[in-house]
Structure formats: structure tokens, C-alpha cells
Protein backbone atom coordinates (compact mmCIF):
# COMPACT_ATOMS: atom_id res chain seq x y z
CA MET A 1 -1.57 -2.73 -11.81
CA LEU A 2 -1.38 0.05 -9.02
CA ASP A 3 1.81 2.37 -8.68
CA PHE A 4 3.27 1.48 -5.41
CA LYS A 5 5.88 3.46 -3.63
CA ASP A 6 8.98 1.85 -1.92
CA PHE A 7 8.04 1.75 1.61
CA ASP A 8 11.60 1.18 2.32
CA ASP A 9 12.63 4.67 1.22
CA LYS A 10 13.22 7.25 4.06
CA ASP A 11 11.21 9.87 2.13
CA VAL A 12 8.23 7.54 1.10
CA TYR A 13 8.30 6.54 4.65
CA ASN A 14 8.13 10.11 6.22
CA GLU A 15 5.36 11.01 3.48
CA SER A 16 3.36 7.63 4.59
CA GLN A 17 3.38 8.79 8.08
CA ALA A 18 1.94 12.23 7.27
CA LEU A 19 -0.61 10.80 4.98
CA ALA A 20 -1.64 8.14 7.86
CA LEU A 21 -2.53 10.79 9.81
CA ASN A 22 -4.23 12.95 7.64
CA ASN A 23 -8.12 13.00 7.84
CA ALA A 24 -8.37 13.38 4.10
CA THR A 25 -6.83 9.77 3.72
CA ARG A 26 -9.33 7.19 3.06
CA ASN A 27 -7.65 3.96 3.05
CA PHE A 28 -3.78 2.49 2.06
CA VAL A 29 -2.35 -1.11 1.08
CA VAL A 30 0.80 -2.05 1.97
CA GLU A 31 2.41 -5.30 0.37
CA PHE A 32 5.56 -6.79 2.24
CA GLY A 33 8.14 -9.50 2.64
CA LYS A 34 11.46 -10.17 4.13
CA GLU A 35 13.45 -7.87 1.69
CA GLN A 36 10.96 -5.10 0.40
CA ALA A 37 7.95 -3.36 1.20
CA HIS A 38 5.55 -1.22 -1.13
CA ILE A 39 2.57 1.05 -0.07
CA LYS A 40 -0.14 2.93 -1.95
CA PHE A 41 -2.66 5.50 -0.47
CA ASN A 42 -6.08 6.31 -1.48
CA ILE A 43 -7.08 3.44 -3.80
CA ASP A 44 -10.43 3.60 -5.33
CA ALA A 45 -13.09 0.73 -5.54
CA ASP A 46 -11.78 -0.75 -8.74
CA ASP A 47 -8.34 -0.79 -7.37
CA VAL A 48 -9.51 -2.74 -4.36
CA GLN A 49 -11.46 -5.20 -6.58
CA ALA A 50 -8.19 -5.62 -8.76
CA LEU A 51 -6.15 -6.24 -5.52
CA LEU A 52 -8.61 -8.91 -4.12
CA SER A 53 -8.85 -10.79 -7.55
CA THR A 54 -5.09 -11.01 -8.18
CA ASP A 55 -2.30 -13.05 -6.24
CA HIS A 56 0.57 -11.08 -4.37
CA GLU A 57 4.38 -11.40 -5.72
CA PRO A 58 6.04 -14.04 -4.16
CA GLU A 59 8.77 -11.97 -2.69
CA LYS A 60 5.85 -10.06 -1.18
CA PRO A 61 3.56 -12.58 0.58
CA VAL A 62 1.75 -10.22 2.76
CA ARG A 63 -0.90 -7.63 1.46
CA TRP A 64 -2.37 -5.42 4.30
CA MET A 65 -5.30 -3.11 3.30
CA TYR A 66 -6.74 -0.53 5.67
CA VAL A 67 -10.06 0.98 4.60
CA ALA A 68 -11.61 3.54 6.52
């Protein structure tokens, strides 16, 4: 599975803000719940397919994808 980063970590959050504003960023996915959030940038087509064909973790019931 994908190597997500802890979006609740201050350094990851700051890095994510920069990546979200970077024109080279193609996409990202965030999985989150009440207690935790994880993020991954620039996933490829195989990763998208894998995410679409798998269930999310119960503690992170929301999966949000941005694809440019």
C-alpha cells in the first residue's frame, strides 16, 4: 500500500502546504478521521486504481483525492 505521511505532524503539514501550491504537484490523497489524518502526493495511475479498489481503514473513514 502507499506510504502515507502523518498530516497531523507540523513538518508534514507545512511541507504539504508548499506541495499543494507547487505547479509540479499532479495530485494528492488524504485519508482522515476524528483522530488522525494521512496524506500522499503525486500518486501514479496504479496507486489510484489500488485506492479505488480497496476499503479505507475504519479509523480513517474519509478518503479525499485531488487529481489535476
